[in-house]
Amino acid sequence: MPDPASLQGAQAELTGIGKSFGAARALEAVSLRIARGSIHALVGENGAGKSTLGKILAGVIAPDQGQFLLDGEPAHFHSPREAIARGIVLIAQELSLVPALPVAENVFLGTEPRRAGFLRRRALHRRYEEMAGSVGFDLPADTPAGRLRVADQQKVEIMRALSRDARLIVMDEPTAALSRPDVARLHEVVRRLARDVTTVVLVSHSLREVLDLAGQVTILRDGRVVRTAAAAEETEESLVNAMLGRSVGATFPAKQPPPADAPAVLSGEVTVRAGEIVGLAGLVGAGRSELAHDLFGRPHRSLARGIAMIPESRKEQGLLLGRSVTENVSLASLAQLSRFGLVRPRAERKAVARVLEQATVTGAGQAAPASTLSGGNQQKLLFARCLLARPRLLIADEPTRGVDVGAKRAIYELLVELAADGLGVLLISSDVEEILGLAHRVLVMRLGKITAELTGDDMTEAAILAAAFDATERDAL
């Protein structure tokens, strides 16, 4: 990777950038320089302003004040198309695929090879195979994007950005949905981009990823820059302390084992006892989410049987972003909050207030749309909904995906607290450390089947990976 100090000036320079959304101040007097050919990371809690800053760079939103220089010239973008024309592309957290179009057409959307207005499919497929091969993502070109799992849709977004031949790429949580092998492939692509003097602005909640990839890191808190420093001079602890303004303490709360005579709240191929957290590990595509949805079944019947679920994608499968906080939380408990078929508003508000406090949701009143909350608080809304339904079993599918370290710790504490109160938890996560830090017992899936059950001292990262990969895959890694 080129040394930023050796490059000729800054490719992008922001001075005094400010941005408000109504009464909320998202950015305040933000200034930073992004060197050409560097990997520059932005870190901070949800709501710190990282994504807002990335969207300003990519022309998605315009700043209220301040100056943006690109290659030394003022840049005033009114749309992402204008930014793309200047060589800036955004890989956003919110997927923006056309579900009905095939993968290849999504990758080259707007830049498809055409002749006399007609799509040249053979040329499109040739370009797609070259792109997929260079990145290492194996996705069928003709599959409609809407049929792909979330992780594979994220790969399509990444390939689309790379196909633009950009000089500056803003990557907002690009690896949040990817498996470990796919993360490794993308990291190599990012390093290759930097070697080719393409600038990468990396927004990530994975501090290990930031320290592994970035040359420079800018820390944001409450919309302001805390500091910009060489990543080599930082540690995960120093970044967390700067992001939060305090030490977050141990990553995982202490486990509390379930009683020896605790009854099973789920029996069958997967068994979960009251007070037990069972981790379900495996690669993306191993069948974990499919098993979770199969166990959950039809929502109204599952809720009646005491089963609640946190889905993998809060925006696609969990929340009604345009509806209020109250409506999102009470959605699964309307029967209990109604009389003669009519919701009792006072009872609803009181019940919702109680579980919002228990789930530590902050940032907006009950009447505010869910979309106004940060990612971490949106995720906690799903927990509040489950708490209100009072289940006996909670299926949590990637419950901390896309949330910052502070929100992660709060979710970990809530899961441990719920288990201590007798709730059974089936925890699905691609983060092996998360599984090991929270679970009392671990099940590993591969190719749609449970291949191992690990307990006690057998619960190690090596054992999980050995069960998740076959011998050929392990040798390749």
Protein backbone atom coordinates (compact mmCIF):
# COMPACT_ATOMS: atom_id res chain seq x y z
CA MET A 1 0.00 0.00 0.00
CA PRO A 2 1.38 3.42 -0.88
CA ASP A 3 2.56 5.52 2.02
CA PRO A 4 0.12 8.47 2.23
CA ALA A 5 2.97 10.77 3.15
CA SER A 6 4.69 9.99 -0.15
CA LEU A 7 1.70 10.91 -2.30
CA GLN A 8 1.24 14.30 -3.92
CA GLY A 9 -1.21 16.14 -1.68
CA ALA A 10 -4.71 15.09 -0.72
CA GLN A 11 -7.18 13.61 -3.18
CA ALA A 12 -10.12 14.76 -1.01
CA GLU A 13 -10.10 17.50 1.59
CA LEU A 14 -13.04 18.52 3.75
CA THR A 15 -13.00 21.69 5.83
CA GLY A 16 -15.62 22.76 8.37
CA ILE A 17 -18.28 20.35 7.10
CA GLY A 18 -21.62 20.62 8.90
CA LYS A 19 -24.89 18.77 8.34
CA SER A 20 -28.25 18.78 10.14
CA PHE A 21 -31.38 16.69 9.73
CA GLY A 22 -34.12 18.81 11.23
CA ALA A 23 -33.11 19.61 14.81
CA ALA A 24 -30.52 16.81 14.89
CA ARG A 25 -26.93 17.87 14.18
CA ALA A 26 -25.21 14.99 12.36
CA LEU A 27 -21.85 16.68 11.62
CA GLU A 28 -20.23 19.70 13.23
CA ALA A 29 -17.15 21.43 11.79
CA VAL A 30 -15.61 18.22 10.41
CA SER A 31 -12.24 18.62 8.70
CA LEU A 32 -9.99 15.88 7.30
CA ARG A 33 -7.65 15.08 4.42
CA ILE A 34 -7.80 11.81 2.50
CA ALA A 35 -4.58 10.97 0.67
CA ARG A 36 -4.58 9.57 -2.86
CA GLY A 37 -4.13 5.79 -2.94
CA SER A 38 -4.68 5.42 0.81
CA ILE A 39 -7.09 3.30 2.84
CA HIS A 40 -8.65 5.81 5.23
CA ALA A 41 -11.02 4.46 7.89
CA LEU A 42 -13.88 6.26 9.63
CA VAL A 43 -14.92 4.82 13.01
CA GLY A 44 -17.40 5.82 15.69
CA GLU A 45 -20.61 4.76 17.39
CA ASN A 46 -23.89 4.52 15.48
CA GLY A 47 -25.02 8.11 15.01
CA ALA A 48 -21.47 9.52 15.23
CA GLY A 49 -21.67 10.79 11.64
CA LYS A 50 -19.58 8.22 9.73
CA SER A 51 -22.18 7.25 7.16
CA THR A 52 -23.30 10.87 6.75
CA LEU A 53 -19.73 11.87 5.96
CA GLY A 54 -19.38 9.02 3.48
CA LYS A 55 -22.63 10.03 1.75
CA ILE A 56 -21.40 13.62 1.44
CA LEU A 57 -18.26 12.36 -0.28
CA ALA A 58 -20.37 10.28 -2.68
CA GLY A 59 -22.94 12.97 -3.50
CA VAL A 60 -25.87 11.22 -1.81
CA ILE A 61 -26.46 14.25 0.44
CA ALA A 62 -25.09 17.78 0.39
CA PRO A 63 -23.47 19.48 3.40
CA ASP A 64 -25.12 22.52 4.96
CA GLN A 65 -21.78 24.24 5.35
CA GLY A 66 -18.06 23.81 4.76
CA GLN A 67 -15.89 23.11 1.74
CA PHE A 68 -15.14 19.90 -0.16
CA LEU A 69 -12.09 19.88 -2.42
CA LEU A 70 -11.46 17.03 -4.86
CA ASP A 71 -8.00 17.02 -6.44
CA GLY A 72 -7.66 20.60 -5.24
CA GLU A 73 -10.84 21.78 -6.98
CA PRO A 74 -14.16 22.63 -5.24
CA ALA A 75 -16.71 19.80 -5.52
CA HIS A 76 -20.45 20.45 -5.29
CA PHE A 77 -22.39 17.25 -5.94
CA HIS A 78 -26.18 17.26 -6.24
CA SER A 79 -26.53 13.52 -6.89
CA PRO A 80 -24.53 10.27 -6.79
CA ARG A 81 -24.44 10.38 -10.62
CA GLU A 82 -22.41 13.61 -10.47
CA ALA A 83 -20.01 12.01 -7.98
CA ILE A 84 -19.65 8.92 -10.19
CA ALA A 85 -18.77 11.20 -13.10
CA ARG A 86 -15.90 12.53 -10.96
CA GLY A 87 -14.77 8.99 -10.06
CA ILE A 88 -16.39 8.57 -6.61
CA VAL A 89 -18.54 5.51 -5.87
CA LEU A 90 -20.38 4.46 -2.68
CA ILE A 91 -20.99 0.94 -1.40
CA ALA A 92 -23.79 1.76 1.04
CA GLN A 93 -25.16 -0.22 4.00
CA GLU A 94 -28.62 -0.04 2.42
CA LEU A 95 -28.70 -2.44 -0.51
CA SER A 96 -29.88 -0.78 -3.74
CA LEU A 97 -30.28 -3.69 -6.12
CA VAL A 98 -33.05 -4.20 -8.68
CA PRO A 99 -34.49 -7.50 -7.39
CA ALA A 100 -35.98 -8.67 -10.70
CA LEU A 101 -32.80 -8.11 -12.74
CA PRO A 102 -30.10 -10.80 -13.01
CA VAL A 103 -26.87 -10.48 -11.03
CA ALA A 104 -24.80 -9.48 -14.09
CA GLU A 105 -27.18 -6.68 -15.06
CA ASN A 106 -27.17 -5.36 -11.49
CA VAL A 107 -23.37 -5.29 -11.46
CA PHE A 108 -23.20 -3.22 -14.65
CA LEU A 109 -26.45 -1.30 -14.15
CA GLY A 110 -26.27 1.88 -16.22
CA THR A 111 -23.04 0.82 -17.93
CA GLU A 112 -24.25 -2.32 -19.73
CA PRO A 113 -22.69 -3.02 -23.17
CA ARG A 114 -25.32 -2.08 -25.75
CA ARG A 115 -25.62 -1.82 -29.52
CA ALA A 116 -28.40 0.24 -31.12
CA GLY A 117 -30.10 0.34 -27.73
CA PHE A 118 -30.11 -3.45 -27.27
CA LEU A 119 -28.26 -5.25 -24.50
CA ARG A 120 -25.27 -7.28 -25.72
CA ARG A 121 -25.70 -10.27 -23.41
CA ARG A 122 -22.60 -12.15 -24.52
CA ALA A 123 -20.41 -9.11 -23.90
CA LEU A 124 -22.18 -8.52 -20.56
CA HIS A 125 -21.50 -12.09 -19.43
CA ARG A 126 -17.87 -11.89 -20.51
CA ARG A 127 -17.37 -8.67 -18.52
CA TYR A 128 -19.17 -10.19 -15.54
CA GLU A 129 -17.05 -13.35 -15.51
CA GLU A 130 -13.88 -11.22 -15.60
CA MET A 131 -15.13 -9.07 -12.70
CA ALA A 132 -16.30 -12.02 -10.57
CA GLY A 133 -13.02 -13.84 -11.20
CA SER A 134 -10.89 -10.85 -10.24
CA VAL A 135 -12.76 -10.44 -6.93
CA GLY A 136 -13.20 -14.14 -6.18
CA PHE A 137 -16.98 -14.03 -5.73
CA ASP A 138 -18.76 -17.02 -7.29
CA LEU A 139 -22.31 -15.91 -8.10
CA PRO A 140 -24.40 -17.10 -11.09
CA ALA A 141 -24.77 -14.30 -13.62
CA ASP A 142 -28.40 -15.02 -14.54
CA THR A 143 -29.92 -15.43 -11.06
CA PRO A 144 -32.33 -12.59 -10.14
CA ALA A 145 -30.67 -10.51 -7.42
CA GLY A 146 -33.80 -10.60 -5.28
CA ARG A 147 -33.42 -14.38 -4.82
CA LEU A 148 -29.96 -14.09 -3.28
CA ARG A 149 -29.31 -14.19 0.45
CA VAL A 150 -28.22 -10.92 2.07
CA ALA A 151 -24.52 -11.82 2.01
CA ASP A 152 -24.59 -12.52 -1.72
CA GLN A 153 -26.53 -9.33 -2.43
CA GLN A 154 -23.72 -7.48 -0.64
CA LYS A 155 -21.23 -9.08 -3.03
CA VAL A 156 -23.24 -7.77 -6.00
CA GLU A 157 -23.10 -4.25 -4.52
CA ILE A 158 -19.33 -4.54 -4.12
CA MET A 159 -18.81 -5.75 -7.70
CA ARG A 160 -21.02 -2.94 -9.02
CA ALA A 161 -18.84 -0.34 -7.30
CA LEU A 162 -15.65 -1.96 -8.56
CA SER A 163 -17.04 -2.07 -12.11
CA ARG A 164 -17.25 1.74 -12.17
CA ASP A 165 -13.46 2.07 -12.37
CA ALA A 166 -13.61 4.63 -9.57
CA ARG A 167 -10.71 6.67 -8.24
CA LEU A 168 -12.27 6.92 -4.76
CA ILE A 169 -14.56 4.26 -3.28
CA VAL A 170 -16.51 4.80 -0.07
CA MET A 171 -17.19 1.40 1.53
CA ASP A 172 -19.83 1.58 4.29
CA GLU A 173 -19.77 -1.69 6.26
CA PRO A 174 -18.85 -3.75 3.17
CA THR A 175 -18.05 -6.94 5.11
CA ALA A 176 -20.88 -6.91 7.68
CA ALA A 177 -22.80 -9.69 5.89
CA LEU A 178 -19.84 -11.68 4.53
CA SER A 179 -18.32 -14.94 5.71
CA ARG A 180 -14.70 -15.07 6.83
CA PRO A 181 -13.36 -16.40 3.47
CA ASP A 182 -15.28 -13.71 1.56
CA VAL A 183 -13.98 -11.04 3.95
CA ALA A 184 -10.44 -12.22 3.25
CA ARG A 185 -11.07 -12.00 -0.52
CA LEU A 186 -12.46 -8.49 -0.23
CA HIS A 187 -9.55 -7.38 1.94
CA GLU A 188 -7.14 -8.49 -0.77
CA VAL A 189 -9.19 -6.54 -3.35
CA VAL A 190 -9.01 -3.43 -1.15
CA ARG A 191 -5.24 -3.76 -0.79
CA ARG A 192 -4.91 -4.23 -4.55
CA LEU A 193 -6.98 -1.09 -5.15
CA ALA A 194 -4.67 0.91 -2.90
CA ARG A 195 -1.61 -0.47 -4.71
CA ASP A 196 -3.21 0.75 -7.94
CA VAL A 197 -3.61 4.23 -6.36
CA THR A 198 -7.38 3.94 -5.92
CA THR A 199 -8.45 5.60 -2.68
CA VAL A 200 -10.70 3.68 -0.28
CA VAL A 201 -12.67 5.32 2.53
CA LEU A 202 -13.64 2.47 4.85
CA VAL A 203 -16.53 2.84 7.30
CA SER A 204 -16.54 -0.17 9.59
CA HIS A 205 -17.63 -1.29 13.04
CA SER A 206 -14.99 -4.03 12.91
CA LEU A 207 -12.03 -2.44 14.63
CA ARG A 208 -9.86 -5.44 13.82
CA GLU A 209 -10.66 -4.88 10.13
CA VAL A 210 -9.79 -1.19 10.44
CA LEU A 211 -6.43 -1.86 12.09
CA ASP A 212 -5.63 -4.59 9.58
CA LEU A 213 -6.43 -2.57 6.44
CA ALA A 214 -6.24 1.16 7.05
CA GLY A 215 -3.26 3.49 6.86
CA GLN A 216 -5.10 6.37 8.55
CA VAL A 217 -8.11 6.34 10.84
CA THR A 218 -10.43 9.21 11.75
CA ILE A 219 -12.48 8.81 14.94
CA LEU A 220 -15.87 10.55 15.15
CA ARG A 221 -18.00 11.15 18.24
CA ASP A 222 -21.30 13.06 18.27
CA GLY A 223 -20.66 14.44 14.79
CA ARG A 224 -17.20 15.82 15.57
CA VAL A 225 -13.69 14.59 14.78
CA VAL A 226 -11.94 13.31 17.90
CA ARG A 227 -8.67 12.71 16.08
CA THR A 228 -7.07 11.42 12.92
CA ALA A 229 -4.02 9.20 13.39
CA ALA A 230 -1.97 6.47 11.76
CA ALA A 231 -3.72 3.14 12.29
CA ALA A 232 -0.38 1.64 13.34
CA GLU A 233 -0.45 3.94 16.38
CA GLU A 234 -3.90 2.76 17.50
CA THR A 235 -5.25 -0.35 19.24
CA GLU A 236 -8.80 -1.65 19.52
CA GLU A 237 -8.90 -0.36 23.09
CA SER A 238 -7.64 3.12 22.16
CA LEU A 239 -10.21 3.36 19.35
CA VAL A 240 -13.07 2.26 21.62
CA ASN A 241 -12.08 4.72 24.33
CA ALA A 242 -11.95 7.57 21.81
CA MET A 243 -15.25 6.57 20.18
CA LEU A 244 -17.16 6.31 23.44
CA GLY A 245 -15.27 8.82 25.57
CA ARG A 246 -14.91 6.05 28.15
CA SER A 247 -13.70 2.47 28.52
CA VAL A 248 -16.28 -0.15 27.54
CA GLY A 249 -14.85 -2.81 29.86
CA ALA A 250 -14.79 -6.51 29.01
CA THR A 251 -16.25 -7.40 25.62
CA PHE A 252 -18.62 -10.06 26.93
CA PRO A 253 -20.51 -10.21 30.25
CA ALA A 254 -19.95 -13.20 32.49
CA LYS A 255 -21.91 -16.30 31.51
CA GLN A 256 -24.48 -17.64 33.93
CA PRO A 257 -25.01 -21.37 33.36
CA PRO A 258 -28.62 -22.62 33.23
CA PRO A 259 -29.90 -24.78 36.09
CA ALA A 260 -29.07 -28.46 35.71
CA ASP A 261 -32.78 -29.37 35.72
CA ALA A 262 -33.85 -26.59 33.31
CA PRO A 263 -36.61 -27.87 30.98
CA ALA A 264 -36.28 -27.78 27.21
CA VAL A 265 -38.09 -24.90 25.49
CA LEU A 266 -37.16 -26.31 22.06
CA SER A 267 -36.72 -30.02 21.31
CA GLY A 268 -35.72 -31.92 18.21
CA GLU A 269 -32.66 -31.65 15.97
CA VAL A 270 -31.91 -28.46 17.90
CA THR A 271 -32.57 -28.47 21.64
CA VAL A 272 -32.50 -25.34 23.78
CA ARG A 273 -33.19 -25.34 27.52
CA ALA A 274 -34.65 -22.53 29.59
CA GLY A 275 -31.84 -20.18 30.60
CA GLU A 276 -29.45 -21.55 27.96
CA ILE A 277 -27.78 -19.71 25.09
CA VAL A 278 -27.06 -22.13 22.25
CA GLY A 279 -24.79 -20.80 19.52
CA LEU A 280 -25.40 -21.85 15.91
CA ALA A 281 -22.21 -21.39 13.88
CA GLY A 282 -21.20 -22.10 10.29
CA LEU A 283 -20.35 -20.45 7.01
CA VAL A 284 -22.69 -18.18 5.06
CA GLY A 285 -24.87 -20.57 3.05
CA ALA A 286 -24.55 -23.42 5.56
CA GLY A 287 -28.28 -23.23 6.24
CA ARG A 288 -28.33 -21.43 9.61
CA SER A 289 -30.88 -18.74 8.67
CA GLU A 290 -32.98 -21.28 6.78
CA LEU A 291 -33.08 -23.46 9.91
CA ALA A 292 -34.02 -20.44 12.01
CA HIS A 293 -36.95 -19.57 9.74
CA ASP A 294 -38.03 -23.20 9.68
CA LEU A 295 -38.03 -23.33 13.48
CA PHE A 296 -39.89 -20.03 13.68
CA GLY A 297 -42.47 -21.12 11.13
CA ARG A 298 -45.62 -19.07 10.74
CA PRO A 299 -45.30 -15.94 12.93
CA HIS A 300 -48.75 -15.88 14.55
CA ARG A 301 -48.56 -19.58 15.46
CA SER A 302 -44.97 -19.26 16.69
CA LEU A 303 -45.74 -16.25 18.87
CA ALA A 304 -48.67 -18.13 20.38
CA ARG A 305 -46.26 -20.97 21.18
CA GLY A 306 -43.85 -18.56 22.87
CA ILE A 307 -41.24 -18.25 20.09
CA ALA A 308 -39.88 -14.85 18.98
CA MET A 309 -37.25 -14.06 16.36
CA ILE A 310 -34.73 -11.32 15.58
CA PRO A 311 -34.27 -11.64 11.77
CA GLU A 312 -30.97 -11.37 9.90
CA SER A 313 -31.89 -8.08 8.17
CA ARG A 314 -33.68 -5.55 10.37
CA LYS A 315 -34.55 -3.34 7.40
CA GLU A 316 -35.75 -6.03 5.01
CA GLN A 317 -37.34 -8.48 7.45
CA GLY A 318 -37.82 -6.76 10.79
CA LEU A 319 -38.82 -3.11 10.95
CA LEU A 320 -41.43 -0.87 9.39
CA LEU A 321 -39.04 2.04 9.03
CA GLY A 322 -41.68 4.62 8.12
CA ARG A 323 -43.88 3.77 11.12
CA SER A 324 -43.41 4.98 14.68
CA VAL A 325 -41.26 3.45 17.38
CA THR A 326 -44.42 2.51 19.29
CA GLU A 327 -46.00 0.77 16.30
CA ASN A 328 -42.83 -1.22 15.61
CA VAL A 329 -42.52 -2.41 19.20
CA SER A 330 -46.18 -3.29 19.79
CA LEU A 331 -46.63 -5.02 16.43
CA ALA A 332 -46.43 -8.57 17.81
CA SER A 333 -48.49 -7.85 20.95
CA LEU A 334 -51.54 -5.99 19.65
CA ALA A 335 -53.97 -8.68 20.86
CA GLN A 336 -52.78 -8.21 24.45
CA LEU A 337 -53.00 -4.42 24.15
CA SER A 338 -56.49 -4.32 22.63
CA ARG A 339 -60.06 -4.42 23.89
CA PHE A 340 -62.95 -5.32 21.60
CA GLY A 341 -60.57 -5.18 18.65
CA LEU A 342 -59.31 -1.65 19.40
CA VAL A 343 -55.79 -0.86 20.63
CA ARG A 344 -55.74 0.90 24.00
CA PRO A 345 -53.29 3.80 23.34
CA ARG A 346 -52.46 4.49 26.99
CA ALA A 347 -51.75 0.84 27.75
CA GLU A 348 -49.72 0.57 24.54
CA ARG A 349 -47.55 3.60 25.35
CA LYS A 350 -46.96 2.42 28.92
CA ALA A 351 -46.00 -1.11 27.86
CA VAL A 352 -43.74 0.14 25.07
CA ALA A 353 -42.01 2.62 27.40
CA ARG A 354 -41.19 -0.23 29.79
CA VAL A 355 -39.53 -2.47 27.19
CA LEU A 356 -37.73 0.45 25.48
CA GLU A 357 -36.05 1.17 28.81
CA GLN A 358 -35.21 -2.51 29.32
CA ALA A 359 -33.68 -2.72 25.81
CA THR A 360 -31.84 0.61 26.39
CA VAL A 361 -33.32 2.22 23.24
CA THR A 362 -32.40 5.91 23.02
CA GLY A 363 -32.41 8.72 20.47
CA ALA A 364 -36.09 9.32 19.67
CA GLY A 365 -39.54 9.51 21.25
CA GLN A 366 -42.22 6.89 20.78
CA ALA A 367 -43.90 8.90 18.00
CA ALA A 368 -40.72 9.20 15.89
CA PRO A 369 -40.33 6.99 12.79
CA ALA A 370 -38.03 4.01 13.29
CA SER A 371 -35.93 5.30 10.39
CA THR A 372 -34.72 8.22 12.53
CA LEU A 373 -32.91 5.91 14.95
CA SER A 374 -29.29 4.84 14.61
CA GLY A 375 -28.56 1.29 13.47
CA GLY A 376 -27.87 0.11 17.00
CA ASN A 377 -31.12 1.52 18.34
CA GLN A 378 -33.06 0.08 15.40
CA GLN A 379 -31.67 -3.32 16.33
CA LYS A 380 -32.70 -2.78 19.96
CA LEU A 381 -36.24 -2.02 18.77
CA LEU A 382 -36.49 -5.63 17.61
CA PHE A 383 -35.41 -6.78 21.07
CA ALA A 384 -38.00 -4.49 22.67
CA ARG A 385 -40.68 -6.06 20.43
CA CYS A 386 -39.64 -9.52 21.58
CA LEU A 387 -39.58 -8.47 25.23
CA LEU A 388 -43.14 -7.19 24.96
CA ALA A 389 -44.28 -10.52 23.50
CA ARG A 390 -42.77 -12.39 26.53
CA PRO A 391 -41.52 -15.47 24.63
CA ARG A 392 -40.00 -18.61 26.12
CA LEU A 393 -37.56 -18.98 23.20
CA LEU A 394 -35.73 -16.23 21.30
CA ILE A 395 -34.10 -16.99 17.94
CA ALA A 396 -31.53 -14.21 17.33
CA ASP A 397 -30.11 -14.26 13.79
CA GLU A 398 -27.00 -12.04 13.54
CA PRO A 399 -28.28 -9.78 16.37
CA THR A 400 -25.28 -7.41 16.36
CA ARG A 401 -24.69 -7.04 12.61
CA GLY A 402 -24.05 -3.42 11.66
CA VAL A 403 -23.97 -2.01 15.20
CA ASP A 404 -21.13 -0.30 17.04
CA VAL A 405 -19.14 -1.61 20.02
CA GLY A 406 -21.24 0.26 22.58
CA ALA A 407 -24.53 -1.11 21.20
CA LYS A 408 -22.98 -4.58 20.90
CA ARG A 409 -22.11 -4.60 24.58
CA ALA A 410 -25.66 -3.52 25.48
CA ILE A 411 -27.12 -6.32 23.33
CA TYR A 412 -24.74 -8.88 24.86
CA GLU A 413 -25.80 -7.80 28.36
CA LEU A 414 -29.46 -8.04 27.37
CA LEU A 415 -29.06 -11.57 25.98
CA VAL A 416 -27.28 -12.75 29.12
CA GLU A 417 -29.88 -11.03 31.31
CA LEU A 418 -32.76 -12.65 29.40
CA ALA A 419 -31.15 -16.08 29.68
CA ALA A 420 -30.60 -15.56 33.42
CA ASP A 421 -34.35 -14.84 33.70
CA GLY A 422 -35.13 -18.22 32.12
CA LEU A 423 -35.43 -17.41 28.41
CA GLY A 424 -33.93 -19.93 25.99
CA VAL A 425 -31.81 -18.30 23.27
CA LEU A 426 -30.72 -19.71 19.92
CA LEU A 427 -27.93 -17.37 18.80
CA ILE A 428 -26.90 -17.39 15.12
CA SER A 429 -23.74 -15.46 14.32
CA SER A 430 -20.94 -15.35 11.76
CA ASP A 431 -18.69 -13.89 14.46
CA VAL A 432 -16.96 -16.87 16.09
CA GLU A 433 -15.78 -14.73 19.02
CA GLU A 434 -19.40 -13.69 19.65
CA ILE A 435 -20.53 -17.31 19.66
CA LEU A 436 -17.77 -18.36 22.06
CA GLY A 437 -18.23 -15.30 24.28
CA LEU A 438 -21.97 -15.84 24.84
CA ALA A 439 -22.98 -19.45 24.22
CA HIS A 440 -23.16 -22.24 26.76
CA ARG A 441 -23.17 -24.79 23.94
CA VAL A 442 -22.33 -24.55 20.21
CA LEU A 443 -23.85 -26.32 17.23
CA VAL A 444 -22.01 -26.11 13.89
CA MET A 445 -23.72 -26.40 10.51
CA ARG A 446 -22.30 -27.29 7.10
CA LEU A 447 -24.22 -27.91 3.88
CA GLY A 448 -27.59 -27.79 5.64
CA LYS A 449 -26.69 -30.26 8.40
CA ILE A 450 -25.48 -29.98 11.99
CA THR A 451 -21.99 -31.45 11.89
CA ALA A 452 -20.84 -30.93 15.48
CA GLU A 453 -21.98 -30.12 19.01
CA LEU A 454 -19.36 -28.49 21.22
CA THR A 455 -19.40 -27.94 24.96
CA GLY A 456 -16.97 -26.90 27.71
CA ASP A 457 -13.30 -26.94 26.76
CA ASP A 458 -14.16 -28.28 23.30
CA MET A 459 -15.67 -24.90 22.42
CA THR A 460 -12.75 -23.32 20.55
CA GLU A 461 -12.39 -21.32 17.36
CA ALA A 462 -10.34 -24.13 15.82
CA ALA A 463 -13.03 -26.71 16.58
CA ILE A 464 -15.78 -24.54 15.11
CA LEU A 465 -13.82 -23.89 11.91
CA ALA A 466 -12.89 -27.57 11.61
CA ALA A 467 -16.57 -28.52 11.70
CA ALA A 468 -17.62 -25.68 9.39
CA PHE A 469 -15.10 -26.52 6.63
CA ASP A 470 -14.34 -29.85 5.03
CA ALA A 471 -10.71 -30.95 4.80
CA THR A 472 -10.18 -29.44 1.33
CA GLU A 473 -11.50 -26.07 2.41
CA ARG A 474 -9.38 -26.08 5.58
CA ASP A 475 -6.25 -26.85 3.58
CA ALA A 476 -7.05 -23.99 1.18
CA LEU A 477 -7.40 -21.57 4.08
